mmCIF file of all heavy atoms, coordinates in Angstrom:
data_MODEL
# 
_entry.id   MODEL 
# 
loop_
_atom_site.group_PDB 
_atom_site.id 
_atom_site.type_symbol 
_atom_site.label_atom_id 
_atom_site.label_alt_id 
_atom_site.label_comp_id 
_atom_site.label_asym_id 
_atom_site.label_entity_id 
_atom_site.label_seq_id 
_atom_site.pdbx_PDB_ins_code 
_atom_site.Cartn_x 
_atom_site.Cartn_y 
_atom_site.Cartn_z 
_atom_site.occupancy 
_atom_site.B_iso_or_equiv 
_atom_site.pdbx_formal_charge 
_atom_site.auth_seq_id 
_atom_site.auth_comp_id 
_atom_site.auth_asym_id 
_atom_site.auth_atom_id 
_atom_site.pdbx_PDB_model_num 
ATOM 1   N N   . VAL A 1 1  ? 4.837  -3.698 -11.690 1.00 0.00 ? 1  VAL A N   1 
ATOM 2   C CA  . VAL A 1 1  ? 3.865  -4.747 -12.022 1.00 0.00 ? 1  VAL A CA  1 
ATOM 3   C C   . VAL A 1 1  ? 3.437  -4.710 -13.479 1.00 0.00 ? 1  VAL A C   1 
ATOM 4   O O   . VAL A 1 1  ? 2.840  -5.672 -13.978 1.00 0.00 ? 1  VAL A O   1 
ATOM 5   C CB  . VAL A 1 1  ? 2.623  -4.646 -11.116 1.00 0.00 ? 1  VAL A CB  1 
ATOM 6   C CG1 . VAL A 1 1  ? 3.017  -4.809 -9.658  1.00 0.00 ? 1  VAL A CG1 1 
ATOM 7   C CG2 . VAL A 1 1  ? 1.884  -3.307 -11.317 1.00 0.00 ? 1  VAL A CG2 1 
ATOM 8   N N   . GLY A 1 2  ? 3.717  -3.614 -14.189 1.00 0.00 ? 2  GLY A N   1 
ATOM 9   C CA  . GLY A 1 2  ? 3.368  -3.527 -15.592 1.00 0.00 ? 2  GLY A CA  1 
ATOM 10  C C   . GLY A 1 2  ? 1.967  -2.975 -15.811 1.00 0.00 ? 2  GLY A C   1 
ATOM 11  O O   . GLY A 1 2  ? 1.188  -2.785 -14.870 1.00 0.00 ? 2  GLY A O   1 
ATOM 12  N N   . PRO A 1 3  ? 1.625  -2.719 -17.071 1.00 0.00 ? 3  PRO A N   1 
ATOM 13  C CA  . PRO A 1 3  ? 0.358  -2.031 -17.394 1.00 0.00 ? 3  PRO A CA  1 
ATOM 14  C C   . PRO A 1 3  ? -0.875 -2.902 -17.294 1.00 0.00 ? 3  PRO A C   1 
ATOM 15  O O   . PRO A 1 3  ? -1.998 -2.379 -17.335 1.00 0.00 ? 3  PRO A O   1 
ATOM 16  C CB  . PRO A 1 3  ? 0.592  -1.571 -18.833 1.00 0.00 ? 3  PRO A CB  1 
ATOM 17  C CG  . PRO A 1 3  ? 1.540  -2.601 -19.396 1.00 0.00 ? 3  PRO A CG  1 
ATOM 18  C CD  . PRO A 1 3  ? 2.449  -2.974 -18.264 1.00 0.00 ? 3  PRO A CD  1 
ATOM 19  N N   . ASP A 1 4  ? -0.725 -4.215 -17.196 1.00 0.00 ? 4  ASP A N   1 
ATOM 20  C CA  . ASP A 1 4  ? -1.892 -5.093 -17.285 1.00 0.00 ? 4  ASP A CA  1 
ATOM 21  C C   . ASP A 1 4  ? -2.593 -5.330 -15.957 1.00 0.00 ? 4  ASP A C   1 
ATOM 22  O O   . ASP A 1 4  ? -3.718 -5.849 -15.943 1.00 0.00 ? 4  ASP A O   1 
ATOM 23  C CB  . ASP A 1 4  ? -1.484 -6.443 -17.883 1.00 0.00 ? 4  ASP A CB  1 
ATOM 24  C CG  . ASP A 1 4  ? -0.986 -6.313 -19.323 1.00 0.00 ? 4  ASP A CG  1 
ATOM 25  O OD1 . ASP A 1 4  ? -1.422 -5.361 -20.008 1.00 0.00 ? 4  ASP A OD1 1 
ATOM 26  O OD2 . ASP A 1 4  ? -0.160 -7.145 -19.755 1.00 0.00 ? 4  ASP A OD2 1 
ATOM 27  N N   . LEU A 1 5  ? -1.961 -4.991 -14.836 1.00 0.00 ? 5  LEU A N   1 
ATOM 28  C CA  . LEU A 1 5  ? -2.611 -5.202 -13.547 1.00 0.00 ? 5  LEU A CA  1 
ATOM 29  C C   . LEU A 1 5  ? -3.809 -4.263 -13.418 1.00 0.00 ? 5  LEU A C   1 
ATOM 30  O O   . LEU A 1 5  ? -3.668 -3.046 -13.597 1.00 0.00 ? 5  LEU A O   1 
ATOM 31  C CB  . LEU A 1 5  ? -1.628 -4.941 -12.402 1.00 0.00 ? 5  LEU A CB  1 
ATOM 32  C CG  . LEU A 1 5  ? -2.145 -5.310 -11.003 1.00 0.00 ? 5  LEU A CG  1 
ATOM 33  C CD1 . LEU A 1 5  ? -2.131 -6.819 -10.819 1.00 0.00 ? 5  LEU A CD1 1 
ATOM 34  C CD2 . LEU A 1 5  ? -1.293 -4.638 -9.921  1.00 0.00 ? 5  LEU A CD2 1 
ATOM 35  N N   . PRO A 1 6  ? -4.984 -4.781 -13.109 1.00 0.00 ? 6  PRO A N   1 
ATOM 36  C CA  . PRO A 1 6  ? -6.169 -3.920 -12.975 1.00 0.00 ? 6  PRO A CA  1 
ATOM 37  C C   . PRO A 1 6  ? -5.979 -2.852 -11.897 1.00 0.00 ? 6  PRO A C   1 
ATOM 38  O O   . PRO A 1 6  ? -5.253 -3.056 -10.921 1.00 0.00 ? 6  PRO A O   1 
ATOM 39  C CB  . PRO A 1 6  ? -7.280 -4.903 -12.585 1.00 0.00 ? 6  PRO A CB  1 
ATOM 40  C CG  . PRO A 1 6  ? -6.810 -6.235 -13.097 1.00 0.00 ? 6  PRO A CG  1 
ATOM 41  C CD  . PRO A 1 6  ? -5.316 -6.208 -12.957 1.00 0.00 ? 6  PRO A CD  1 
ATOM 42  N N   . GLU A 1 7  ? -6.646 -1.721 -12.095 1.00 0.00 ? 7  GLU A N   1 
ATOM 43  C CA  . GLU A 1 7  ? -6.493 -0.598 -11.168 1.00 0.00 ? 7  GLU A CA  1 
ATOM 44  C C   . GLU A 1 7  ? -6.872 -0.972 -9.741  1.00 0.00 ? 7  GLU A C   1 
ATOM 45  O O   . GLU A 1 7  ? -6.231 -0.523 -8.782  1.00 0.00 ? 7  GLU A O   1 
ATOM 46  C CB  . GLU A 1 7  ? -7.341 0.591  -11.641 1.00 0.00 ? 7  GLU A CB  1 
ATOM 47  C CG  . GLU A 1 7  ? -6.820 1.256  -12.903 1.00 0.00 ? 7  GLU A CG  1 
ATOM 48  C CD  . GLU A 1 7  ? -5.450 1.877  -12.699 1.00 0.00 ? 7  GLU A CD  1 
ATOM 49  O OE1 . GLU A 1 7  ? -5.246 2.583  -11.706 1.00 0.00 ? 7  GLU A OE1 1 
ATOM 50  O OE2 . GLU A 1 7  ? -4.566 1.627  -13.551 1.00 0.00 ? 7  GLU A OE2 1 
ATOM 51  N N   . ALA A 1 8  ? -7.917 -1.771 -9.576  1.00 0.00 ? 8  ALA A N   1 
ATOM 52  C CA  . ALA A 1 8  ? -8.337 -2.159 -8.229  1.00 0.00 ? 8  ALA A CA  1 
ATOM 53  C C   . ALA A 1 8  ? -7.245 -2.963 -7.529  1.00 0.00 ? 8  ALA A C   1 
ATOM 54  O O   . ALA A 1 8  ? -7.021 -2.811 -6.319  1.00 0.00 ? 8  ALA A O   1 
ATOM 55  C CB  . ALA A 1 8  ? -9.632 -2.958 -8.285  1.00 0.00 ? 8  ALA A CB  1 
ATOM 56  N N   . GLU A 1 9  ? -6.543 -3.826 -8.280  1.00 0.00 ? 9  GLU A N   1 
ATOM 57  C CA  . GLU A 1 9  ? -5.463 -4.607 -7.688  1.00 0.00 ? 9  GLU A CA  1 
ATOM 58  C C   . GLU A 1 9  ? -4.258 -3.726 -7.382  1.00 0.00 ? 9  GLU A C   1 
ATOM 59  O O   . GLU A 1 9  ? -3.553 -3.946 -6.397  1.00 0.00 ? 9  GLU A O   1 
ATOM 60  C CB  . GLU A 1 9  ? -5.082 -5.761 -8.618  1.00 0.00 ? 9  GLU A CB  1 
ATOM 61  C CG  . GLU A 1 9  ? -6.177 -6.802 -8.760  1.00 0.00 ? 9  GLU A CG  1 
ATOM 62  C CD  . GLU A 1 9  ? -5.756 -7.976 -9.627  1.00 0.00 ? 9  GLU A CD  1 
ATOM 63  O OE1 . GLU A 1 9  ? -4.557 -8.343 -9.590  1.00 0.00 ? 9  GLU A OE1 1 
ATOM 64  O OE2 . GLU A 1 9  ? -6.618 -8.519 -10.351 1.00 0.00 ? 9  GLU A OE2 1 
ATOM 65  N N   . LEU A 1 10 ? -4.033 -2.718 -8.221  1.00 0.00 ? 10 LEU A N   1 
ATOM 66  C CA  . LEU A 1 10 ? -2.963 -1.773 -7.923  1.00 0.00 ? 10 LEU A CA  1 
ATOM 67  C C   . LEU A 1 10 ? -3.297 -0.965 -6.672  1.00 0.00 ? 10 LEU A C   1 
ATOM 68  O O   . LEU A 1 10 ? -2.416 -0.705 -5.841  1.00 0.00 ? 10 LEU A O   1 
ATOM 69  C CB  . LEU A 1 10 ? -2.727 -0.848 -9.107  1.00 0.00 ? 10 LEU A CB  1 
ATOM 70  C CG  . LEU A 1 10 ? -1.587 0.170  -8.951  1.00 0.00 ? 10 LEU A CG  1 
ATOM 71  C CD1 . LEU A 1 10 ? -0.243 -0.535 -8.725  1.00 0.00 ? 10 LEU A CD1 1 
ATOM 72  C CD2 . LEU A 1 10 ? -1.516 1.089  -10.164 1.00 0.00 ? 10 LEU A CD2 1 
ATOM 73  N N   . ASP A 1 11 ? -4.560 -0.581 -6.521  1.00 0.00 ? 11 ASP A N   1 
ATOM 74  C CA  . ASP A 1 11 ? -4.987 0.123  -5.303  1.00 0.00 ? 11 ASP A CA  1 
ATOM 75  C C   . ASP A 1 11 ? -4.647 -0.708 -4.066  1.00 0.00 ? 11 ASP A C   1 
ATOM 76  O O   . ASP A 1 11 ? -4.142 -0.183 -3.058  1.00 0.00 ? 11 ASP A O   1 
ATOM 77  C CB  . ASP A 1 11 ? -6.490 0.393  -5.329  1.00 0.00 ? 11 ASP A CB  1 
ATOM 78  C CG  . ASP A 1 11 ? -6.883 1.469  -6.335  1.00 0.00 ? 11 ASP A CG  1 
ATOM 79  O OD1 . ASP A 1 11 ? -6.006 2.241  -6.742  1.00 0.00 ? 11 ASP A OD1 1 
ATOM 80  O OD2 . ASP A 1 11 ? -8.072 1.514  -6.707  1.00 0.00 ? 11 ASP A OD2 1 
ATOM 81  N N   . ASP A 1 12 ? -4.947 -1.987 -4.125  1.00 0.00 ? 12 ASP A N   1 
ATOM 82  C CA  . ASP A 1 12 ? -4.673 -2.872 -2.996  1.00 0.00 ? 12 ASP A CA  1 
ATOM 83  C C   . ASP A 1 12 ? -3.174 -2.987 -2.739  1.00 0.00 ? 12 ASP A C   1 
ATOM 84  O O   . ASP A 1 12 ? -2.726 -2.993 -1.583  1.00 0.00 ? 12 ASP A O   1 
ATOM 85  C CB  . ASP A 1 12 ? -5.278 -4.254 -3.258  1.00 0.00 ? 12 ASP A CB  1 
ATOM 86  C CG  . ASP A 1 12 ? -5.019 -5.226 -2.117  1.00 0.00 ? 12 ASP A CG  1 
ATOM 87  O OD1 . ASP A 1 12 ? -5.543 -4.986 -1.007  1.00 0.00 ? 12 ASP A OD1 1 
ATOM 88  O OD2 . ASP A 1 12 ? -4.277 -6.200 -2.324  1.00 0.00 ? 12 ASP A OD2 1 
ATOM 89  N N   . LEU A 1 13 ? -2.393 -3.056 -3.823  1.00 0.00 ? 13 LEU A N   1 
ATOM 90  C CA  . LEU A 1 13 ? -0.942 -3.145 -3.679  1.00 0.00 ? 13 LEU A CA  1 
ATOM 91  C C   . LEU A 1 13 ? -0.381 -1.887 -3.031  1.00 0.00 ? 13 LEU A C   1 
ATOM 92  O O   . LEU A 1 13 ? 0.492  -1.955 -2.154  1.00 0.00 ? 13 LEU A O   1 
ATOM 93  C CB  . LEU A 1 13 ? -0.294 -3.370 -5.050  1.00 0.00 ? 13 LEU A CB  1 
ATOM 94  C CG  . LEU A 1 13 ? 1.232  -3.453 -5.081  1.00 0.00 ? 13 LEU A CG  1 
ATOM 95  C CD1 . LEU A 1 13 ? 1.745  -4.592 -4.209  1.00 0.00 ? 13 LEU A CD1 1 
ATOM 96  C CD2 . LEU A 1 13 ? 1.723  -3.630 -6.524  1.00 0.00 ? 13 LEU A CD2 1 
ATOM 97  N N   . VAL A 1 14 ? -0.885 -0.726 -3.434  1.00 0.00 ? 14 VAL A N   1 
ATOM 98  C CA  . VAL A 1 14 ? -0.433 0.534  -2.835  1.00 0.00 ? 14 VAL A CA  1 
ATOM 99  C C   . VAL A 1 14 ? -0.778 0.561  -1.348  1.00 0.00 ? 14 VAL A C   1 
ATOM 100 O O   . VAL A 1 14 ? 0.056  0.964  -0.514  1.00 0.00 ? 14 VAL A O   1 
ATOM 101 C CB  . VAL A 1 14 ? -1.056 1.737  -3.560  1.00 0.00 ? 14 VAL A CB  1 
ATOM 102 C CG1 . VAL A 1 14 ? -0.777 3.033  -2.798  1.00 0.00 ? 14 VAL A CG1 1 
ATOM 103 C CG2 . VAL A 1 14 ? -0.514 1.835  -4.984  1.00 0.00 ? 14 VAL A CG2 1 
ATOM 104 N N   . ARG A 1 15 ? -1.960 0.120  -0.999  1.00 0.00 ? 15 ARG A N   1 
ATOM 105 C CA  . ARG A 1 15 ? -2.355 0.100  0.415   1.00 0.00 ? 15 ARG A CA  1 
ATOM 106 C C   . ARG A 1 15 ? -1.436 -0.817 1.216   1.00 0.00 ? 15 ARG A C   1 
ATOM 107 O O   . ARG A 1 15 ? -0.977 -0.457 2.314   1.00 0.00 ? 15 ARG A O   1 
ATOM 108 C CB  . ARG A 1 15 ? -3.807 -0.346 0.550   1.00 0.00 ? 15 ARG A CB  1 
ATOM 109 C CG  . ARG A 1 15 ? -4.313 -0.358 1.995   1.00 0.00 ? 15 ARG A CG  1 
ATOM 110 C CD  . ARG A 1 15 ? -5.821 -0.556 2.068   1.00 0.00 ? 15 ARG A CD  1 
ATOM 111 N NE  . ARG A 1 15 ? -6.265 -1.753 1.356   1.00 0.00 ? 15 ARG A NE  1 
ATOM 112 C CZ  . ARG A 1 15 ? -6.933 -1.727 0.198   1.00 0.00 ? 15 ARG A CZ  1 
ATOM 113 N NH1 . ARG A 1 15 ? -7.214 -0.570 -0.386  1.00 0.00 ? 15 ARG A NH1 1 
ATOM 114 N NH2 . ARG A 1 15 ? -7.300 -2.839 -0.373  1.00 0.00 ? 15 ARG A NH2 1 
ATOM 115 N N   . ARG A 1 16 ? -1.140 -1.994 0.664   1.00 0.00 ? 16 ARG A N   1 
ATOM 116 C CA  . ARG A 1 16 ? -0.229 -2.900 1.362   1.00 0.00 ? 16 ARG A CA  1 
ATOM 117 C C   . ARG A 1 16 ? 1.176  -2.322 1.439   1.00 0.00 ? 16 ARG A C   1 
ATOM 118 O O   . ARG A 1 16 ? 1.902  -2.529 2.419   1.00 0.00 ? 16 ARG A O   1 
ATOM 119 C CB  . ARG A 1 16 ? -0.226 -4.267 0.673   1.00 0.00 ? 16 ARG A CB  1 
ATOM 120 C CG  . ARG A 1 16 ? -1.520 -5.050 0.889   1.00 0.00 ? 16 ARG A CG  1 
ATOM 121 C CD  . ARG A 1 16 ? -1.465 -6.441 0.306   1.00 0.00 ? 16 ARG A CD  1 
ATOM 122 N NE  . ARG A 1 16 ? -1.553 -6.442 -1.149  1.00 0.00 ? 16 ARG A NE  1 
ATOM 123 C CZ  . ARG A 1 16 ? -0.685 -7.000 -1.972  1.00 0.00 ? 16 ARG A CZ  1 
ATOM 124 N NH1 . ARG A 1 16 ? 0.398  -7.616 -1.481  1.00 0.00 ? 16 ARG A NH1 1 
ATOM 125 N NH2 . ARG A 1 16 ? -0.861 -6.949 -3.275  1.00 0.00 ? 16 ARG A NH2 1 
ATOM 126 N N   . GLY A 1 17 ? 1.568  -1.594 0.377   1.00 0.00 ? 17 GLY A N   1 
ATOM 127 C CA  . GLY A 1 17 ? 2.875  -0.958 0.393   1.00 0.00 ? 17 GLY A CA  1 
ATOM 128 C C   . GLY A 1 17 ? 2.995  0.095  1.478   1.00 0.00 ? 17 GLY A C   1 
ATOM 129 O O   . GLY A 1 17 ? 4.016  0.197  2.162   1.00 0.00 ? 17 GLY A O   1 
ATOM 130 N N   . LEU A 1 18 ? 1.961  0.893  1.649   1.00 0.00 ? 18 LEU A N   1 
ATOM 131 C CA  . LEU A 1 18 ? 1.978  1.914  2.693   1.00 0.00 ? 18 LEU A CA  1 
ATOM 132 C C   . LEU A 1 18 ? 1.931  1.282  4.079   1.00 0.00 ? 18 LEU A C   1 
ATOM 133 O O   . LEU A 1 18 ? 2.558  1.781  5.028   1.00 0.00 ? 18 LEU A O   1 
ATOM 134 C CB  . LEU A 1 18 ? 0.811  2.874  2.493   1.00 0.00 ? 18 LEU A CB  1 
ATOM 135 C CG  . LEU A 1 18 ? 0.956  3.796  1.274   1.00 0.00 ? 18 LEU A CG  1 
ATOM 136 C CD1 . LEU A 1 18 ? -0.359 4.497  0.980   1.00 0.00 ? 18 LEU A CD1 1 
ATOM 137 C CD2 . LEU A 1 18 ? 2.079  4.822  1.485   1.00 0.00 ? 18 LEU A CD2 1 
ATOM 138 N N   . ARG A 1 19 ? 1.207  0.189  4.211   1.00 0.00 ? 19 ARG A N   1 
ATOM 139 C CA  . ARG A 1 19 ? 1.218  -0.522 5.494   1.00 0.00 ? 19 ARG A CA  1 
ATOM 140 C C   . ARG A 1 19 ? 2.607  -1.075 5.798   1.00 0.00 ? 19 ARG A C   1 
ATOM 141 O O   . ARG A 1 19 ? 3.056  -1.046 6.954   1.00 0.00 ? 19 ARG A O   1 
ATOM 142 C CB  . ARG A 1 19 ? 0.196  -1.658 5.470   1.00 0.00 ? 19 ARG A CB  1 
ATOM 143 C CG  . ARG A 1 19 ? -1.251 -1.210 5.593   1.00 0.00 ? 19 ARG A CG  1 
ATOM 144 C CD  . ARG A 1 19 ? -2.187 -2.407 5.688   1.00 0.00 ? 19 ARG A CD  1 
ATOM 145 N NE  . ARG A 1 19 ? -3.561 -1.992 5.986   1.00 0.00 ? 19 ARG A NE  1 
ATOM 146 C CZ  . ARG A 1 19 ? -4.550 -2.837 6.288   1.00 0.00 ? 19 ARG A CZ  1 
ATOM 147 N NH1 . ARG A 1 19 ? -4.304 -4.142 6.319   1.00 0.00 ? 19 ARG A NH1 1 
ATOM 148 N NH2 . ARG A 1 19 ? -5.762 -2.382 6.548   1.00 0.00 ? 19 ARG A NH2 1 
ATOM 149 N N   . SER A 1 20 ? 3.290  -1.579 4.791   1.00 0.00 ? 20 SER A N   1 
ATOM 150 C CA  . SER A 1 20 ? 4.650  -2.081 4.984   1.00 0.00 ? 20 SER A CA  1 
ATOM 151 C C   . SER A 1 20 ? 5.585  -0.956 5.400   1.00 0.00 ? 20 SER A C   1 
ATOM 152 O O   . SER A 1 20 ? 6.427  -1.105 6.300   1.00 0.00 ? 20 SER A O   1 
ATOM 153 C CB  . SER A 1 20 ? 5.156  -2.734 3.690   1.00 0.00 ? 20 SER A CB  1 
ATOM 154 O OG  . SER A 1 20 ? 6.499  -3.137 3.810   1.00 0.00 ? 20 SER A OG  1 
ATOM 155 N N   . TYR A 1 21 ? 5.443  0.203  4.766   1.00 0.00 ? 21 TYR A N   1 
ATOM 156 C CA  . TYR A 1 21 ? 6.275  1.357  5.105   1.00 0.00 ? 21 TYR A CA  1 
ATOM 157 C C   . TYR A 1 21 ? 5.997  1.813  6.536   1.00 0.00 ? 21 TYR A C   1 
ATOM 158 O O   . TYR A 1 21 ? 6.922  2.132  7.304   1.00 0.00 ? 21 TYR A O   1 
ATOM 159 C CB  . TYR A 1 21 ? 5.983  2.485  4.110   1.00 0.00 ? 21 TYR A CB  1 
ATOM 160 C CG  . TYR A 1 21 ? 6.891  3.685  4.214   1.00 0.00 ? 21 TYR A CG  1 
ATOM 161 C CD1 . TYR A 1 21 ? 8.260  3.545  4.377   1.00 0.00 ? 21 TYR A CD1 1 
ATOM 162 C CD2 . TYR A 1 21 ? 6.364  4.973  4.120   1.00 0.00 ? 21 TYR A CD2 1 
ATOM 163 C CE1 . TYR A 1 21 ? 9.086  4.665  4.455   1.00 0.00 ? 21 TYR A CE1 1 
ATOM 164 C CE2 . TYR A 1 21 ? 7.179  6.092  4.198   1.00 0.00 ? 21 TYR A CE2 1 
ATOM 165 C CZ  . TYR A 1 21 ? 8.538  5.923  4.370   1.00 0.00 ? 21 TYR A CZ  1 
ATOM 166 O OH  . TYR A 1 21 ? 9.359  7.024  4.457   1.00 0.00 ? 21 TYR A OH  1 
ATOM 167 N N   . ALA A 1 22 ? 4.723  1.830  6.926   1.00 0.00 ? 22 ALA A N   1 
ATOM 168 C CA  . ALA A 1 22 ? 4.374  2.194  8.297   1.00 0.00 ? 22 ALA A CA  1 
ATOM 169 C C   . ALA A 1 22 ? 4.942  1.180  9.285   1.00 0.00 ? 22 ALA A C   1 
ATOM 170 O O   . ALA A 1 22 ? 5.414  1.543  10.373  1.00 0.00 ? 22 ALA A O   1 
ATOM 171 C CB  . ALA A 1 22 ? 2.854  2.278  8.442   1.00 0.00 ? 22 ALA A CB  1 
ATOM 172 N N   . ARG A 1 23 ? 4.920  -0.086 8.917   1.00 0.00 ? 23 ARG A N   1 
ATOM 173 C CA  . ARG A 1 23 ? 5.493  -1.114 9.791   1.00 0.00 ? 23 ARG A CA  1 
ATOM 174 C C   . ARG A 1 23 ? 6.985  -0.888 9.975   1.00 0.00 ? 23 ARG A C   1 
ATOM 175 O O   . ARG A 1 23 ? 7.514  -1.070 11.083  1.00 0.00 ? 23 ARG A O   1 
ATOM 176 C CB  . ARG A 1 23 ? 5.227  -2.503 9.208   1.00 0.00 ? 23 ARG A CB  1 
ATOM 177 C CG  . ARG A 1 23 ? 5.846  -3.631 10.017  1.00 0.00 ? 23 ARG A CG  1 
ATOM 178 C CD  . ARG A 1 23 ? 5.487  -4.990 9.461   1.00 0.00 ? 23 ARG A CD  1 
ATOM 179 N NE  . ARG A 1 23 ? 6.234  -6.057 10.147  1.00 0.00 ? 23 ARG A NE  1 
ATOM 180 C CZ  . ARG A 1 23 ? 6.067  -7.360 9.913   1.00 0.00 ? 23 ARG A CZ  1 
ATOM 181 N NH1 . ARG A 1 23 ? 5.160  -7.756 9.031   1.00 0.00 ? 23 ARG A NH1 1 
ATOM 182 N NH2 . ARG A 1 23 ? 6.786  -8.246 10.571  1.00 0.00 ? 23 ARG A NH2 1 
ATOM 183 N N   . TYR A 1 24 ? 7.677  -0.490 8.888   1.00 0.00 ? 24 TYR A N   1 
ATOM 184 C CA  . TYR A 1 24 ? 9.102  -0.186 9.022   1.00 0.00 ? 24 TYR A CA  1 
ATOM 185 C C   . TYR A 1 24 ? 9.327  0.883  10.094  1.00 0.00 ? 24 TYR A C   1 
ATOM 186 O O   . TYR A 1 24 ? 10.175 0.742  10.976  1.00 0.00 ? 24 TYR A O   1 
ATOM 187 C CB  . TYR A 1 24 ? 9.700  0.279  7.690   1.00 0.00 ? 24 TYR A CB  1 
ATOM 188 C CG  . TYR A 1 24 ? 10.974 1.060  7.899   1.00 0.00 ? 24 TYR A CG  1 
ATOM 189 C CD1 . TYR A 1 24 ? 12.143 0.397  8.255   1.00 0.00 ? 24 TYR A CD1 1 
ATOM 190 C CD2 . TYR A 1 24 ? 10.991 2.454  7.818   1.00 0.00 ? 24 TYR A CD2 1 
ATOM 191 C CE1 . TYR A 1 24 ? 13.309 1.118  8.499   1.00 0.00 ? 24 TYR A CE1 1 
ATOM 192 C CE2 . TYR A 1 24 ? 12.143 3.169  8.061   1.00 0.00 ? 24 TYR A CE2 1 
ATOM 193 C CZ  . TYR A 1 24 ? 13.301 2.497  8.405   1.00 0.00 ? 24 TYR A CZ  1 
ATOM 194 O OH  . TYR A 1 24 ? 14.444 3.198  8.674   1.00 0.00 ? 24 TYR A OH  1 
# 
């Protein structure tokens, strides 16, 4: 996503990523 994405939005992306991995 690059350096400009705010940390809070990256936190949300990581959470969604882990949910996607768990769904797999």
